[in-house]
Amino acid sequence: MYGKAFAPEYRGSLGDLSVNTSLQDVLAKAVEEQRRARLSGDAVELAHTGLAVAEASRRLGRVEEAERAWKDSYRAARRAGDRGAMAWAVWSGGTLARQRGDLALARRRLATAAELAEQGGDIVARGYSLAGLAETGRIQGDYEAVGRLHEKLLAEARKRGEARHTVWALEGIAQMHRNTGLFDSALALFEEAAQIAGDAGDDRGRAWALRGIADVRSAQGDPEAALALLTEAEVLCHEIQLVGALAYNHKMRGNVLYRAGRYAEAEECYSGSLAEFRAMGEPRGEALSRLGLVKAKARQGRAATETAADLDVLERALCDIGLQHAEAMIGKARAELGVAAADAVPAH
């Protein structure tokens, strides 16, 4: 039913690159082909190579290089009058904005990318842009608005036999189910995604799916199975050099250990993922790692006043990113740890 996963963001002279090609190799080849395109004056090829540089840099956590590269790609595509290539560049810029925590900017860029793709007749770029909008809304917690879009994109991906997008949509829907307490359906969706990704040779999609399965298994009380799944996913992340996925894997390992009452080990994992997210300029992951760190320290006897103050700071940080469920998330942590908001704590 599904063909092998492919990477449509690698275009032109880079079209033979696999979805599993290591990001350092992608970057090296893209930079070399970019140099040739500059020498030949081929604007379309310059747009394609700039996009690959942008995406490899973004996934390696080199956000400043990624920002320059997608803009270079867009300018080259505009010179060539290629709206499809323009759409891919703006999609990359929107995905980068989401990674950097500017969700409003991400939505604007991704909506523009979808429009450009429509004008240029690039069905795949349009699909990726709409998927980016759906993912941004899901991260914000706007499940009602984007749930239907996820389902629509899943149906389209299944119809076309596109493994990579089917896996993405399944994982997104599974995450929403998991976050609303529907563990059994979430597990089934994550497992289907992992199976399709494995069969299609999509190591990136499989790594994310394994992380999702681990999360649900942990929430259902099986930490050892969860840790084994995360170890398997981590191997895949290392092979392709998925910096962001690896950081989220480490944060999830912290979650699993925390739920199992292994607070010192959890603290170590959260500290590690915090450093990784800071290095790649990923504020949402940074804030979530900080939240885990606060909770792990509180469980080991940290003063309630310090915990309360940290949670207040984190609530503001998560709201600034644009997460609609930030107050509920922090409220749950306060209740779990038995602390009130800092401004509600009487002065001594």
Protein backbone atom coordinates (compact mmCIF):
# COMPACT_ATOMS: atom_id res chain seq x y z
CA MET A 1 0.00 0.00 0.00
CA TYR A 2 2.78 2.41 0.94
CA GLY A 3 5.91 3.06 -1.06
CA LYS A 4 9.32 3.81 0.37
CA ALA A 5 9.58 7.10 2.26
CA PHE A 6 11.14 9.92 0.27
CA ALA A 7 12.35 13.43 1.07
CA PRO A 8 10.74 15.99 -1.29
CA GLU A 9 12.59 18.81 0.46
CA TYR A 10 15.75 17.50 -1.22
CA ARG A 11 15.24 18.72 -4.77
CA GLY A 12 17.07 19.16 -8.06
CA SER A 13 20.62 17.81 -7.94
CA LEU A 14 19.93 16.65 -4.36
CA GLY A 15 16.88 14.58 -5.29
CA ASP A 16 18.74 11.29 -4.85
CA LEU A 17 19.28 11.90 -1.12
CA SER A 18 17.35 9.60 1.20
CA VAL A 19 15.15 10.65 4.10
CA ASN A 20 17.70 8.78 6.24
CA THR A 21 20.84 10.41 4.81
CA SER A 22 22.84 11.79 7.72
CA LEU A 23 22.30 15.51 8.10
CA GLN A 24 26.03 16.27 7.99
CA ASP A 25 26.20 14.48 4.62
CA VAL A 26 23.15 16.38 3.36
CA LEU A 27 24.70 19.67 4.42
CA ALA A 28 28.07 18.90 2.84
CA LYS A 29 26.54 17.90 -0.49
CA ALA A 30 24.08 20.82 -0.46
CA VAL A 31 26.85 23.37 0.14
CA GLU A 32 28.92 21.88 -2.70
CA GLU A 33 25.96 21.91 -5.13
CA GLN A 34 25.09 25.43 -3.98
CA ARG A 35 28.59 26.57 -4.95
CA ARG A 36 28.14 25.06 -8.41
CA ALA A 37 24.73 26.69 -8.83
CA ARG A 38 26.20 30.09 -7.99
CA LEU A 39 28.93 29.61 -10.58
CA SER A 40 26.45 28.57 -13.26
CA GLY A 41 23.89 31.23 -12.33
CA ASP A 42 21.10 28.63 -12.11
CA ALA A 43 18.55 30.34 -9.84
CA VAL A 44 16.22 27.33 -9.57
CA GLU A 45 19.06 25.04 -8.52
CA LEU A 46 20.25 27.72 -6.10
CA ALA A 47 16.77 27.70 -4.54
CA HIS A 48 16.82 23.89 -4.23
CA THR A 49 20.28 23.76 -2.67
CA GLY A 50 19.48 26.65 -0.31
CA LEU A 51 16.42 24.74 0.91
CA ALA A 52 18.52 21.66 1.67
CA VAL A 53 21.08 23.78 3.52
CA ALA A 54 18.25 25.37 5.51
CA GLU A 55 16.63 22.07 6.46
CA ALA A 56 19.85 20.28 7.36
CA SER A 57 20.98 23.27 9.43
CA ARG A 58 17.61 23.52 11.19
CA ARG A 59 17.56 19.83 12.09
CA LEU A 60 21.13 20.06 13.35
CA GLY A 61 20.08 22.92 15.62
CA ARG A 62 22.03 25.60 13.71
CA VAL A 63 19.19 28.07 13.67
CA GLU A 64 21.03 31.20 12.49
CA GLU A 65 22.45 29.36 9.46
CA ALA A 66 19.00 27.93 8.76
CA GLU A 67 17.43 31.41 8.85
CA ARG A 68 19.90 32.76 6.31
CA ALA A 69 19.62 29.71 4.07
CA TRP A 70 15.82 29.63 3.69
CA LYS A 71 15.79 33.35 2.86
CA ASP A 72 18.54 32.83 0.27
CA SER A 73 16.48 29.98 -1.19
CA TYR A 74 13.38 32.16 -1.36
CA ARG A 75 15.20 35.02 -3.08
CA ALA A 76 16.64 32.64 -5.69
CA ALA A 77 13.22 31.07 -6.29
CA ARG A 78 11.64 34.49 -6.67
CA ARG A 79 14.29 35.50 -9.22
CA ALA A 80 13.44 32.35 -11.16
CA GLY A 81 9.71 32.99 -10.87
CA ASP A 82 9.21 29.50 -9.43
CA ARG A 83 6.31 29.68 -6.97
CA GLY A 84 6.68 26.04 -5.98
CA ALA A 85 10.29 26.62 -4.93
CA MET A 86 9.21 29.83 -3.17
CA ALA A 87 6.64 27.79 -1.24
CA TRP A 88 9.23 25.24 -0.11
CA ALA A 89 11.53 28.02 1.12
CA VAL A 90 8.76 29.73 3.11
CA TRP A 91 7.66 26.33 4.48
CA SER A 92 11.20 25.88 5.80
CA GLY A 93 11.10 29.36 7.32
CA GLY A 94 7.77 28.62 8.97
CA THR A 95 9.02 25.31 10.36
CA LEU A 96 12.07 27.11 11.73
CA ALA A 97 9.89 29.78 13.36
CA ARG A 98 7.92 27.02 15.13
CA GLN A 99 11.16 25.41 16.30
CA ARG A 100 12.33 28.78 17.66
CA GLY A 101 9.10 29.21 19.64
CA ASP A 102 7.46 31.95 17.53
CA LEU A 103 4.23 30.11 16.81
CA ALA A 104 2.34 33.14 15.47
CA LEU A 105 5.09 33.81 12.91
CA ALA A 106 5.15 30.11 12.05
CA ARG A 107 1.44 30.16 11.24
CA ARG A 108 1.79 33.25 9.03
CA ARG A 109 4.71 31.81 7.09
CA LEU A 110 3.12 28.38 6.68
CA ALA A 111 -0.15 29.92 5.46
CA THR A 112 1.84 31.95 2.91
CA ALA A 113 3.70 28.80 1.85
CA ALA A 114 0.42 26.93 1.31
CA GLU A 115 -0.87 29.81 -0.84
CA LEU A 116 2.32 29.93 -2.93
CA ALA A 117 2.22 26.16 -3.39
CA GLU A 118 -1.39 26.40 -4.57
CA GLN A 119 -0.44 29.10 -7.07
CA GLY A 120 2.55 27.07 -8.27
CA GLY A 121 0.63 23.82 -8.53
CA ASP A 122 2.96 22.01 -6.11
CA ILE A 123 0.68 19.53 -4.35
CA VAL A 124 3.42 18.15 -2.08
CA ALA A 125 4.57 21.60 -0.91
CA ARG A 126 0.95 22.49 -0.19
CA GLY A 127 0.52 19.28 1.81
CA TYR A 128 3.65 19.95 3.84
CA SER A 129 2.58 23.54 4.50
CA LEU A 130 -0.91 22.51 5.67
CA ALA A 131 0.69 19.81 7.81
CA GLY A 132 2.94 22.48 9.32
CA LEU A 133 -0.10 24.61 10.15
CA ALA A 134 -1.82 21.60 11.72
CA GLU A 135 1.25 20.75 13.80
CA THR A 136 1.65 24.34 14.97
CA GLY A 137 -1.98 24.43 16.10
CA ARG A 138 -1.58 21.08 17.84
CA ILE A 139 1.48 22.32 19.73
CA GLN A 140 -0.50 25.38 20.80
CA GLY A 141 -3.19 23.06 22.16
CA ASP A 142 -5.86 24.09 19.63
CA TYR A 143 -7.02 20.50 19.14
CA GLU A 144 -10.58 21.30 18.03
CA ALA A 145 -9.35 23.53 15.21
CA VAL A 146 -6.61 21.26 13.89
CA GLY A 147 -7.95 17.80 14.70
CA ARG A 148 -10.08 17.76 11.56
CA LEU A 149 -7.14 19.00 9.46
CA HIS A 150 -4.98 16.16 10.78
CA GLU A 151 -7.69 13.65 9.84
CA LYS A 152 -8.09 15.21 6.37
CA LEU A 153 -4.35 15.12 5.70
CA LEU A 154 -4.18 11.53 6.97
CA ALA A 155 -6.91 10.49 4.52
CA GLU A 156 -5.12 12.23 1.64
CA ALA A 157 -1.77 10.65 2.55
CA ARG A 158 -3.32 7.17 2.79
CA LYS A 159 -5.02 7.63 -0.57
CA ARG A 160 -1.73 8.58 -2.26
CA GLY A 161 0.25 5.93 -0.38
CA GLU A 162 2.63 8.54 1.06
CA ALA A 163 4.23 6.76 3.99
CA ARG A 164 6.04 9.74 5.50
CA HIS A 165 2.95 11.95 5.67
CA THR A 166 0.76 9.09 6.85
CA VAL A 167 3.20 8.51 9.71
CA TRP A 168 3.27 12.23 10.54
CA ALA A 169 -0.54 12.47 10.66
CA LEU A 170 -0.92 9.30 12.73
CA GLU A 171 1.63 10.59 15.25
CA GLY A 172 -0.12 13.97 15.50
CA ILE A 173 -3.53 12.41 16.11
CA ALA A 174 -1.99 9.93 18.55
CA GLN A 175 -0.40 12.79 20.50
CA MET A 176 -3.74 14.57 20.82
CA HIS A 177 -5.38 11.34 22.02
CA ARG A 178 -2.58 10.77 24.52
CA ASN A 179 -2.85 14.34 25.86
CA THR A 180 -6.60 13.95 26.39
CA GLY A 181 -6.22 10.65 28.25
CA LEU A 182 -7.20 8.26 25.42
CA PHE A 183 -4.19 6.01 26.02
CA ASP A 184 -5.38 2.86 24.22
CA SER A 185 -6.20 4.64 20.95
CA ALA A 186 -3.00 6.71 21.21
CA LEU A 187 -0.94 3.54 21.61
CA ALA A 188 -2.60 1.88 18.61
CA LEU A 189 -1.97 4.92 16.41
CA PHE A 190 1.67 5.29 17.50
CA GLU A 191 2.24 1.56 16.88
CA GLU A 192 0.70 1.80 13.41
CA ALA A 193 2.92 4.79 12.67
CA ALA A 194 6.02 2.90 13.83
CA GLN A 195 5.10 -0.10 11.65
CA ILE A 196 4.49 1.99 8.51
CA ALA A 197 7.67 4.02 9.10
CA GLY A 198 9.72 0.86 9.58
CA ASP A 199 8.34 -0.76 6.43
CA ALA A 200 8.91 2.42 4.41
CA GLY A 201 12.47 2.94 5.67
CA ASP A 202 11.59 6.21 7.44
CA ASP A 203 13.93 6.15 10.43
CA ARG A 204 13.01 9.71 11.45
CA GLY A 205 9.29 8.92 11.60
CA ARG A 206 9.96 5.65 13.40
CA ALA A 207 12.11 7.40 16.04
CA TRP A 208 9.28 9.84 16.84
CA ALA A 209 6.72 7.02 16.90
CA LEU A 210 8.83 4.95 19.31
CA ARG A 211 9.06 7.98 21.58
CA GLY A 212 5.25 8.22 21.54
CA ILE A 213 4.83 4.52 22.33
CA ALA A 214 7.31 4.88 25.19
CA ASP A 215 5.35 7.81 26.61
CA VAL A 216 2.08 5.87 26.63
CA ARG A 217 3.69 2.70 28.02
CA SER A 218 5.19 4.78 30.81
CA ALA A 219 1.87 6.48 31.57
CA GLN A 220 0.30 3.00 31.76
CA GLY A 221 2.88 1.90 34.33
CA ASP A 222 5.55 0.03 32.33
CA PRO A 223 8.74 2.14 32.69
CA GLU A 224 11.19 -0.58 31.66
CA ALA A 225 9.47 -1.15 28.31
CA ALA A 226 9.37 2.62 27.81
CA LEU A 227 13.10 3.01 28.51
CA ALA A 228 13.94 0.20 26.07
CA LEU A 229 11.87 1.89 23.33
CA LEU A 230 13.62 5.22 23.96
CA THR A 231 17.00 3.51 23.68
CA GLU A 232 15.96 2.08 20.30
CA ALA A 233 14.77 5.51 19.15
CA GLU A 234 17.98 7.15 20.36
CA VAL A 235 20.07 4.88 18.12
CA LEU A 236 18.05 6.04 15.09
CA CYS A 237 18.44 9.70 16.12
CA HIS A 238 22.20 9.33 16.38
CA GLU A 239 22.48 7.64 13.00
CA ILE A 240 20.76 10.50 11.16
CA GLN A 241 21.99 13.19 13.60
CA LEU A 242 18.47 14.31 14.55
CA VAL A 243 19.46 16.86 17.18
CA GLY A 244 15.94 18.02 18.02
CA ALA A 245 14.42 14.54 18.13
CA LEU A 246 17.29 13.38 20.34
CA ALA A 247 16.72 16.24 22.80
CA TYR A 248 13.01 15.39 23.00
CA ASN A 249 13.96 11.74 23.47
CA HIS A 250 16.14 12.68 26.44
CA LYS A 251 13.37 14.83 27.91
CA MET A 252 10.95 11.92 27.56
CA ARG A 253 13.45 9.65 29.32
CA GLY A 254 13.29 12.17 32.17
CA ASN A 255 9.48 11.92 32.15
CA VAL A 256 9.59 8.13 32.30
CA LEU A 257 12.08 8.11 35.19
CA TYR A 258 10.10 10.79 37.04
CA ARG A 259 6.86 8.80 36.79
CA ALA A 260 8.76 5.76 38.09
CA GLY A 261 9.88 7.74 41.16
CA ARG A 262 13.54 7.77 40.08
CA TYR A 263 13.87 11.49 40.68
CA ALA A 264 17.66 11.89 40.76
CA GLU A 265 17.99 10.07 37.42
CA ALA A 266 15.14 12.15 36.02
CA GLU A 267 16.86 15.35 37.12
CA GLU A 268 20.01 14.30 35.26
CA CYS A 269 18.04 13.63 32.06
CA TYR A 270 16.16 16.92 32.27
CA SER A 271 19.43 18.80 32.82
CA GLY A 272 20.89 17.17 29.72
CA SER A 273 17.89 17.92 27.50
CA LEU A 274 17.77 21.49 28.82
CA ALA A 275 21.35 22.06 27.67
CA GLU A 276 20.55 20.50 24.27
CA PHE A 277 17.48 22.69 23.73
CA ARG A 278 19.35 25.83 24.75
CA ALA A 279 22.16 25.01 22.33
CA MET A 280 19.69 24.75 19.44
CA GLY A 281 17.52 27.72 20.40
CA GLU A 282 14.35 25.68 21.03
CA PRO A 283 12.37 27.55 23.74
CA ARG A 284 9.42 25.14 24.01
CA GLY A 285 11.68 22.15 24.66
CA GLU A 286 13.74 24.30 27.02
CA ALA A 287 10.67 25.32 29.03
CA LEU A 288 9.37 21.73 29.21
CA SER A 289 12.79 20.49 30.37
CA ARG A 290 12.86 23.25 33.00
CA LEU A 291 9.43 22.14 34.20
CA GLY A 292 10.63 18.56 34.57
CA LEU A 293 13.72 19.76 36.40
CA VAL A 294 11.65 21.83 38.85
CA LYS A 295 9.38 18.86 39.57
CA ALA A 296 12.28 16.41 40.01
CA LYS A 297 14.07 18.77 42.41
CA ALA A 298 10.86 19.38 44.37
CA ARG A 299 10.44 15.63 44.85
CA GLN A 300 13.93 15.52 46.33
CA GLY A 301 13.15 18.08 49.04
CA ARG A 302 13.65 21.48 47.43
CA ALA A 303 11.95 24.34 49.28
CA ALA A 304 8.32 24.87 48.26
CA THR A 305 8.81 28.65 47.95
CA GLU A 306 11.59 28.15 45.39
CA THR A 307 9.47 25.63 43.49
CA ALA A 308 6.50 28.01 43.45
CA ALA A 309 8.63 30.88 42.15
CA ASP A 310 10.08 28.74 39.38
CA LEU A 311 6.63 27.55 38.32
CA ASP A 312 5.43 31.16 38.08
CA VAL A 313 8.35 32.00 35.76
CA LEU A 314 7.68 28.91 33.66
CA GLU A 315 3.97 29.71 33.34
CA ARG A 316 4.86 33.11 31.85
CA ALA A 317 7.44 31.53 29.52
CA LEU A 318 4.99 28.92 28.22
CA CYS A 319 2.25 31.53 27.75
CA ASP A 320 4.69 33.75 25.83
CA ILE A 321 5.38 30.89 23.42
CA GLY A 322 1.64 30.74 22.74
CA LEU A 323 0.67 27.45 24.40
CA GLN A 324 -3.06 27.63 25.18
CA HIS A 325 -2.76 24.91 27.82
CA ALA A 326 0.15 26.55 29.69
CA GLU A 327 -1.94 27.57 32.71
CA ALA A 328 -3.49 24.12 32.99
CA MET A 329 -0.07 22.47 32.67
CA ILE A 330 1.45 24.57 35.44
CA GLY A 331 -1.71 24.28 37.54
CA LYS A 332 -1.39 20.50 37.36
CA ALA A 333 2.26 20.71 38.47
CA ARG A 334 1.33 22.96 41.41
CA ALA A 335 -1.37 20.54 42.51
CA GLU A 336 0.93 17.55 42.10
CA LEU A 337 3.68 19.16 44.17
CA GLY A 338 1.36 20.79 46.72
CA VAL A 339 2.50 24.37 46.13
CA ALA A 340 0.54 27.53 45.43
CA ALA A 341 1.46 30.30 43.03
CA ALA A 342 4.31 32.36 44.50
CA ASP A 343 2.19 35.49 44.76
CA ALA A 344 -0.33 33.49 46.81
CA VAL A 345 2.30 32.42 49.34
CA PRO A 346 2.22 34.63 52.42
CA ALA A 347 5.41 36.61 53.08
CA HIS A 348 7.43 35.57 56.14
